[in-house]
Amino acid sequence: MISQATVILVVLAAAHANPDNYGPVYSSGPIPYGFNYAVNDAYKGTNFGQSEKSDGNSLWGSYTVALPDGRKQTVDYTADHGRGFVAKVSFSGKAQHPKVSGPAVVFPQNGGGYH
């Protein structure tokens, strides 16, 4: 029991003395990044995408989606530790609704309901 405790303490001391055993330590701060993607499937009517960039302290980006009513929704955003997440939502196009509807739904009045 004492020898197991001694081995554990030696391993912990060695790991504490050399923290690089746990992987790289980024002392230079956050890493800047950028990405984007887009999906446009005309058969299914799916159309959306996003792009985002960061300098390591702040980020900014935009995403779009085609709405079922025919409009395109765009969200432009920024985020940082001072102002938090700030988004601006905009729409382009005109909403289109079907002019022809299906048959009226009729419910029986007497004798046709659930009991």
Protein backbone atom coordinates (compact mmCIF):
# COMPACT_ATOMS: atom_id res chain seq x y z
CA MET A 1 0.00 0.00 0.00
CA ILE A 2 2.77 2.44 0.91
CA SER A 3 4.73 1.50 -2.22
CA GLN A 4 1.65 2.18 -4.41
CA ALA A 5 1.20 5.59 -2.80
CA THR A 6 4.88 6.34 -3.34
CA VAL A 7 4.65 5.40 -7.03
CA ILE A 8 1.58 7.59 -7.48
CA LEU A 9 3.28 10.54 -5.80
CA VAL A 10 6.40 10.11 -7.97
CA VAL A 11 4.27 10.02 -11.15
CA LEU A 12 2.31 13.12 -10.09
CA ALA A 13 5.51 14.97 -9.20
CA ALA A 14 7.04 14.12 -12.57
CA ALA A 15 3.91 15.24 -14.41
CA HIS A 16 3.79 18.47 -12.43
CA ALA A 17 7.45 19.17 -13.18
CA ASN A 18 6.88 18.71 -16.94
CA PRO A 19 3.38 19.94 -17.93
CA ASP A 20 4.16 19.44 -21.64
CA ASN A 21 3.19 15.81 -21.12
CA TYR A 22 -0.44 16.95 -21.29
CA GLY A 23 -0.15 18.46 -24.75
CA PRO A 24 0.78 21.87 -26.14
CA VAL A 25 0.20 24.98 -24.07
CA TYR A 26 -0.85 28.01 -26.11
CA SER A 27 0.70 30.92 -24.33
CA SER A 28 0.28 33.21 -27.34
CA GLY A 29 -3.50 33.50 -26.75
CA PRO A 30 -6.51 32.40 -28.77
CA ILE A 31 -5.96 31.20 -32.31
CA PRO A 32 -7.61 33.11 -35.19
CA TYR A 33 -9.80 31.04 -37.51
CA GLY A 34 -12.18 31.28 -40.43
CA PHE A 35 -14.69 28.92 -42.03
CA ASN A 36 -17.63 28.89 -44.40
CA TYR A 37 -20.07 26.44 -45.92
CA ALA A 38 -23.07 26.49 -48.20
CA VAL A 39 -25.85 24.04 -49.09
CA ASN A 40 -28.04 24.52 -52.15
CA ASP A 41 -30.28 21.59 -53.09
CA ALA A 42 -32.68 22.79 -55.79
CA TYR A 43 -34.54 19.46 -55.79
CA LYS A 44 -35.48 19.70 -52.10
CA GLY A 45 -35.51 23.51 -51.97
CA THR A 46 -32.82 23.63 -49.29
CA ASN A 47 -30.59 26.71 -49.44
CA PHE A 48 -28.50 27.95 -46.50
CA GLY A 49 -24.94 28.80 -45.56
CA GLN A 50 -22.64 30.45 -43.05
CA SER A 51 -19.26 32.17 -42.91
CA GLU A 52 -17.38 33.22 -39.79
CA LYS A 53 -13.97 34.69 -38.95
CA SER A 54 -12.17 35.42 -35.71
CA ASP A 55 -9.00 37.31 -34.89
CA GLY A 56 -8.74 35.44 -31.60
CA ASN A 57 -10.46 38.14 -29.55
CA SER A 58 -13.59 38.98 -31.56
CA LEU A 59 -15.58 37.18 -34.19
CA TRP A 60 -17.89 38.24 -36.95
CA GLY A 61 -19.95 36.32 -39.39
CA SER A 62 -23.14 35.87 -41.33
CA TYR A 63 -25.58 33.09 -42.09
CA THR A 64 -28.46 32.83 -44.55
CA VAL A 65 -31.44 30.57 -44.95
CA ALA A 66 -34.19 30.34 -47.56
CA LEU A 67 -37.54 30.59 -45.77
CA PRO A 68 -40.58 28.51 -46.79
CA ASP A 69 -42.44 31.66 -47.91
CA GLY A 70 -39.78 32.43 -50.54
CA ARG A 71 -37.84 35.10 -48.64
CA LYS A 72 -34.17 34.91 -47.73
CA GLN A 73 -33.22 35.60 -44.11
CA THR A 74 -29.72 36.91 -43.37
CA VAL A 75 -28.21 37.28 -39.91
CA ASP A 76 -25.01 39.33 -39.63
CA TYR A 77 -23.38 39.09 -36.21
CA THR A 78 -20.38 40.07 -34.12
CA ALA A 79 -19.30 38.86 -30.70
CA ASP A 80 -16.62 39.86 -28.22
CA HIS A 81 -16.10 39.95 -24.46
CA GLY A 82 -17.12 43.61 -24.19
CA ARG A 83 -20.41 43.84 -26.12
CA GLY A 84 -21.36 40.17 -26.18
CA PHE A 85 -23.31 38.75 -29.13
CA VAL A 86 -24.86 41.39 -31.41
CA ALA A 87 -27.00 40.30 -34.37
CA LYS A 88 -28.70 42.17 -37.20
CA VAL A 89 -31.48 40.23 -38.95
CA SER A 90 -32.65 41.21 -42.42
CA PHE A 91 -34.97 39.73 -45.05
CA SER A 92 -34.89 39.99 -48.82
CA GLY A 93 -37.56 39.11 -51.32
CA LYS A 94 -41.32 39.13 -50.93
CA ALA A 95 -43.32 36.53 -49.05
CA GLN A 96 -45.27 34.31 -51.44
CA HIS A 97 -48.31 32.42 -50.22
CA PRO A 98 -50.32 29.93 -52.27
CA LYS A 99 -53.40 31.47 -53.91
CA VAL A 100 -55.22 28.16 -54.10
CA SER A 101 -55.96 26.24 -50.97
CA GLY A 102 -57.11 22.67 -50.56
CA PRO A 103 -60.67 21.57 -49.82
CA ALA A 104 -62.29 22.74 -46.62
CA VAL A 105 -62.01 20.43 -43.64
CA VAL A 106 -65.48 19.38 -42.49
CA PHE A 107 -66.23 17.64 -39.21
CA PRO A 108 -69.48 15.69 -38.78
CA GLN A 109 -71.92 17.32 -36.35
CA ASN A 110 -73.99 14.43 -35.05
CA GLY A 111 -73.25 10.77 -34.75
CA GLY A 112 -69.87 10.86 -36.42
CA GLY A 113 -67.62 11.73 -33.47
CA TYR A 114 -65.69 9.67 -31.00
CA HIS A 115 -67.49 8.41 -27.92
